[in-house]
Amino acid sequence: MRKKEQLNSIIEICPIRNVVARFGNKWALLVILILGESESIRYNELGRKIPDISSRVLASTLRTLEADGLVKREFYQEVPPRVEYSLTETGRSLVPIILQLTEWAQNNMKTIIAHRNGEKTD
């Protein structure tokens, strides 16, 4: 049991596994990019910008990003109630990195797909 506890603690404190694993959700990076395009956005508008995400998955993704301090949820007590989401400073600092990763993926997509199909390009 001691080894398992120790292994879990190493995994939990490893910055790559601990932080980047949260983006294993295929929607998290897209949500961050869309939130980065505006000061704040309402839940339904965010859902319209990502039409193939379910409401449950969007809510879960937002909760995870909020728990990590990347997204801020603002609730307005008015009729009808309004909830807006925005990126925190930490979340905004991630946008340029995601954009670089997107550019890298676009530049290397053909090569990666060719390798997946068993073609050697290098």
C-alpha atoms as a PDB file:
ATOM      1  CA  MET A   1       0.000   0.000   0.000  1.00  0.00           C
ATOM      2  CA  ARG A   2       2.867   2.361   0.763  1.00  0.00           C
ATOM      3  CA  LYS A   3       4.227   2.095  -2.806  1.00  0.00           C
ATOM      4  CA  LYS A   4       0.825   2.926  -4.294  1.00  0.00           C
ATOM      5  CA  GLU A   5       0.474   5.992  -2.054  1.00  0.00           C
ATOM      6  CA  GLN A   6       3.969   7.099  -3.007  1.00  0.00           C
ATOM      7  CA  LEU A   7       3.302   6.553  -6.723  1.00  0.00           C
ATOM      8  CA  ASN A   8       0.094   8.579  -6.535  1.00  0.00           C
ATOM      9  CA  SER A   9       1.885  11.433  -4.800  1.00  0.00           C
ATOM     10  CA  ILE A  10       4.601  11.513  -7.493  1.00  0.00           C
ATOM     11  CA  ILE A  11       1.967  11.586 -10.230  1.00  0.00           C
ATOM     12  CA  GLU A  12       0.020  14.273  -8.421  1.00  0.00           C
ATOM     13  CA  ILE A  13       3.011  16.594  -8.004  1.00  0.00           C
ATOM     14  CA  CYS A  14       4.403  16.116 -11.524  1.00  0.00           C
ATOM     15  CA  PRO A  15       3.570  19.416 -13.291  1.00  0.00           C
ATOM     16  CA  ILE A  16       3.179  17.876 -16.732  1.00  0.00           C
ATOM     17  CA  ARG A  17       0.899  15.053 -15.670  1.00  0.00           C
ATOM     18  CA  ASN A  18      -0.999  17.140 -13.138  1.00  0.00           C
ATOM     19  CA  VAL A  19      -1.726  20.182 -15.304  1.00  0.00           C
ATOM     20  CA  VAL A  20      -1.656  18.941 -18.880  1.00  0.00           C
ATOM     21  CA  ALA A  21      -3.764  15.889 -18.043  1.00  0.00           C
ATOM     22  CA  ARG A  22      -6.665  18.259 -17.437  1.00  0.00           C
ATOM     23  CA  PHE A  23      -6.564  19.092 -21.137  1.00  0.00           C
ATOM     24  CA  GLY A  24      -7.006  15.435 -22.073  1.00  0.00           C
ATOM     25  CA  ASN A  25     -10.632  16.389 -22.489  1.00  0.00           C
ATOM     26  CA  LYS A  26     -10.877  17.177 -26.186  1.00  0.00           C
ATOM     27  CA  TRP A  27     -12.996  20.257 -25.504  1.00  0.00           C
ATOM     28  CA  ALA A  28     -10.926  22.111 -22.894  1.00  0.00           C
ATOM     29  CA  LEU A  29      -8.477  23.755 -25.291  1.00  0.00           C
ATOM     30  CA  LEU A  30     -11.265  24.788 -27.658  1.00  0.00           C
ATOM     31  CA  VAL A  31     -13.267  26.301 -24.790  1.00  0.00           C
ATOM     32  CA  ILE A  32     -10.205  28.276 -23.683  1.00  0.00           C
ATOM     33  CA  LEU A  33      -9.614  29.557 -27.221  1.00  0.00           C
ATOM     34  CA  ILE A  34     -13.234  30.656 -27.624  1.00  0.00           C
ATOM     35  CA  LEU A  35     -13.247  32.355 -24.214  1.00  0.00           C
ATOM     36  CA  GLY A  36     -10.012  34.071 -25.227  1.00  0.00           C
ATOM     37  CA  GLU A  37     -11.791  35.745 -28.154  1.00  0.00           C
ATOM     38  CA  SER A  38     -13.987  37.894 -25.906  1.00  0.00           C
ATOM     39  CA  GLU A  39     -14.066  39.533 -22.503  1.00  0.00           C
ATOM     40  CA  SER A  40     -16.898  37.279 -21.326  1.00  0.00           C
ATOM     41  CA  ILE A  41     -19.452  34.956 -22.851  1.00  0.00           C
ATOM     42  CA  ARG A  42     -22.725  33.440 -21.715  1.00  0.00           C
ATOM     43  CA  TYR A  43     -23.125  29.680 -21.435  1.00  0.00           C
ATOM     44  CA  ASN A  44     -25.632  29.325 -24.302  1.00  0.00           C
ATOM     45  CA  GLU A  45     -23.521  31.459 -26.628  1.00  0.00           C
ATOM     46  CA  LEU A  46     -20.482  29.329 -25.836  1.00  0.00           C
ATOM     47  CA  GLY A  47     -22.548  26.223 -26.594  1.00  0.00           C
ATOM     48  CA  ARG A  48     -23.599  27.705 -29.957  1.00  0.00           C
ATOM     49  CA  LYS A  49     -19.969  28.330 -30.870  1.00  0.00           C
ATOM     50  CA  ILE A  50     -19.219  24.634 -30.236  1.00  0.00           C
ATOM     51  CA  PRO A  51     -22.334  22.991 -31.701  1.00  0.00           C
ATOM     52  CA  ASP A  52     -21.135  19.391 -31.360  1.00  0.00           C
ATOM     53  CA  ILE A  53     -20.493  19.546 -27.593  1.00  0.00           C
ATOM     54  CA  SER A  54     -23.254  18.320 -25.314  1.00  0.00           C
ATOM     55  CA  SER A  55     -24.563  20.584 -22.583  1.00  0.00           C
ATOM     56  CA  ARG A  56     -23.387  18.134 -19.916  1.00  0.00           C
ATOM     57  CA  VAL A  57     -19.840  17.959 -21.304  1.00  0.00           C
ATOM     58  CA  LEU A  58     -19.646  21.749 -21.688  1.00  0.00           C
ATOM     59  CA  ALA A  59     -20.761  22.238 -18.081  1.00  0.00           C
ATOM     60  CA  SER A  60     -18.260  19.661 -16.854  1.00  0.00           C
ATOM     61  CA  THR A  61     -15.436  21.203 -18.890  1.00  0.00           C
ATOM     62  CA  LEU A  62     -16.212  24.675 -17.543  1.00  0.00           C
ATOM     63  CA  ARG A  63     -16.299  23.365 -13.953  1.00  0.00           C
ATOM     64  CA  THR A  64     -12.909  21.689 -14.408  1.00  0.00           C
ATOM     65  CA  LEU A  65     -11.358  24.809 -15.941  1.00  0.00           C
ATOM     66  CA  GLU A  66     -12.862  26.932 -13.172  1.00  0.00           C
ATOM     67  CA  ALA A  67     -11.515  24.562 -10.496  1.00  0.00           C
ATOM     68  CA  ASP A  68      -8.041  24.971 -12.035  1.00  0.00           C
ATOM     69  CA  GLY A  69      -8.315  28.761 -11.952  1.00  0.00           C
ATOM     70  CA  LEU A  70      -8.341  29.163 -15.733  1.00  0.00           C
ATOM     71  CA  VAL A  71     -11.976  30.250 -16.070  1.00  0.00           C
ATOM     72  CA  LYS A  72     -14.017  32.656 -13.981  1.00  0.00           C
ATOM     73  CA  ARG A  73     -17.774  32.161 -13.584  1.00  0.00           C
ATOM     74  CA  GLU A  74     -19.780  35.284 -12.850  1.00  0.00           C
ATOM     75  CA  PHE A  75     -23.382  34.907 -11.651  1.00  0.00           C
ATOM     76  CA  TYR A  76     -25.683  37.945 -11.925  1.00  0.00           C
ATOM     77  CA  GLN A  77     -28.761  37.997  -9.696  1.00  0.00           C
ATOM     78  CA  GLU A  78     -31.252  39.483 -12.104  1.00  0.00           C
ATOM     79  CA  VAL A  79     -34.409  38.329 -13.822  1.00  0.00           C
ATOM     80  CA  PRO A  80     -33.741  36.117 -15.637  1.00  0.00           C
ATOM     81  CA  PRO A  81     -30.488  35.093 -13.930  1.00  0.00           C
ATOM     82  CA  ARG A  82     -27.389  35.501 -16.059  1.00  0.00           C
ATOM     83  CA  VAL A  83     -24.105  33.579 -15.921  1.00  0.00           C
ATOM     84  CA  GLU A  84     -21.026  34.668 -17.840  1.00  0.00           C
ATOM     85  CA  TYR A  85     -17.676  32.979 -18.250  1.00  0.00           C
ATOM     86  CA  SER A  86     -14.309  34.574 -18.886  1.00  0.00           C
ATOM     87  CA  LEU A  87     -10.661  33.615 -18.712  1.00  0.00           C
ATOM     88  CA  THR A  88      -8.592  34.483 -15.686  1.00  0.00           C
ATOM     89  CA  GLU A  89      -5.100  35.912 -16.170  1.00  0.00           C
ATOM     90  CA  THR A  90      -3.739  32.382 -15.883  1.00  0.00           C
ATOM     91  CA  GLY A  91      -6.185  31.220 -18.540  1.00  0.00           C
ATOM     92  CA  ARG A  92      -5.264  34.114 -20.832  1.00  0.00           C
ATOM     93  CA  SER A  93      -1.584  33.246 -20.474  1.00  0.00           C
ATOM     94  CA  LEU A  94      -2.376  29.819 -21.926  1.00  0.00           C
ATOM     95  CA  VAL A  95      -3.953  31.150 -25.157  1.00  0.00           C
ATOM     96  CA  PRO A  96      -0.669  31.959 -26.993  1.00  0.00           C
ATOM     97  CA  ILE A  97       0.636  28.491 -26.137  1.00  0.00           C
ATOM     98  CA  ILE A  98      -2.509  26.842 -27.519  1.00  0.00           C
ATOM     99  CA  LEU A  99      -2.215  28.979 -30.655  1.00  0.00           C
ATOM    100  CA  GLN A 100       1.394  27.829 -31.108  1.00  0.00           C
ATOM    101  CA  LEU A 101       0.335  24.224 -30.661  1.00  0.00           C
ATOM    102  CA  THR A 102      -2.464  24.749 -33.206  1.00  0.00           C
ATOM    103  CA  GLU A 103      -0.004  26.202 -35.704  1.00  0.00           C
ATOM    104  CA  TRP A 104       2.380  23.294 -35.132  1.00  0.00           C
ATOM    105  CA  ALA A 105      -0.481  20.819 -35.678  1.00  0.00           C
ATOM    106  CA  GLN A 106      -1.528  22.542 -38.910  1.00  0.00           C
ATOM    107  CA  ASN A 107       2.059  22.564 -40.194  1.00  0.00           C
ATOM    108  CA  ASN A 108       2.612  18.882 -39.373  1.00  0.00           C
ATOM    109  CA  MET A 109      -0.822  17.379 -39.924  1.00  0.00           C
ATOM    110  CA  LYS A 110      -0.096  15.885 -43.358  1.00  0.00           C
ATOM    111  CA  THR A 111       3.078  14.207 -42.111  1.00  0.00           C
ATOM    112  CA  ILE A 112       1.362  12.806 -39.028  1.00  0.00           C
ATOM    113  CA  ILE A 113      -1.562  11.445 -41.049  1.00  0.00           C
ATOM    114  CA  ALA A 114       0.844   9.914 -43.559  1.00  0.00           C
ATOM    115  CA  HIS A 115       2.663   8.128 -40.728  1.00  0.00           C
ATOM    116  CA  ARG A 116      -0.638   6.894 -39.309  1.00  0.00           C
ATOM    117  CA  ASN A 117      -1.410   5.432 -42.725  1.00  0.00           C
ATOM    118  CA  GLY A 118       1.930   3.632 -42.780  1.00  0.00           C
ATOM    119  CA  GLU A 119       3.582   5.996 -45.261  1.00  0.00           C
ATOM    120  CA  LYS A 120       7.123   7.111 -44.508  1.00  0.00           C
ATOM    121  CA  THR A 121       7.737  10.795 -45.194  1.00  0.00           C
ATOM    122  CA  ASP A 122      10.874  11.504 -43.177  1.00  0.00           C
END
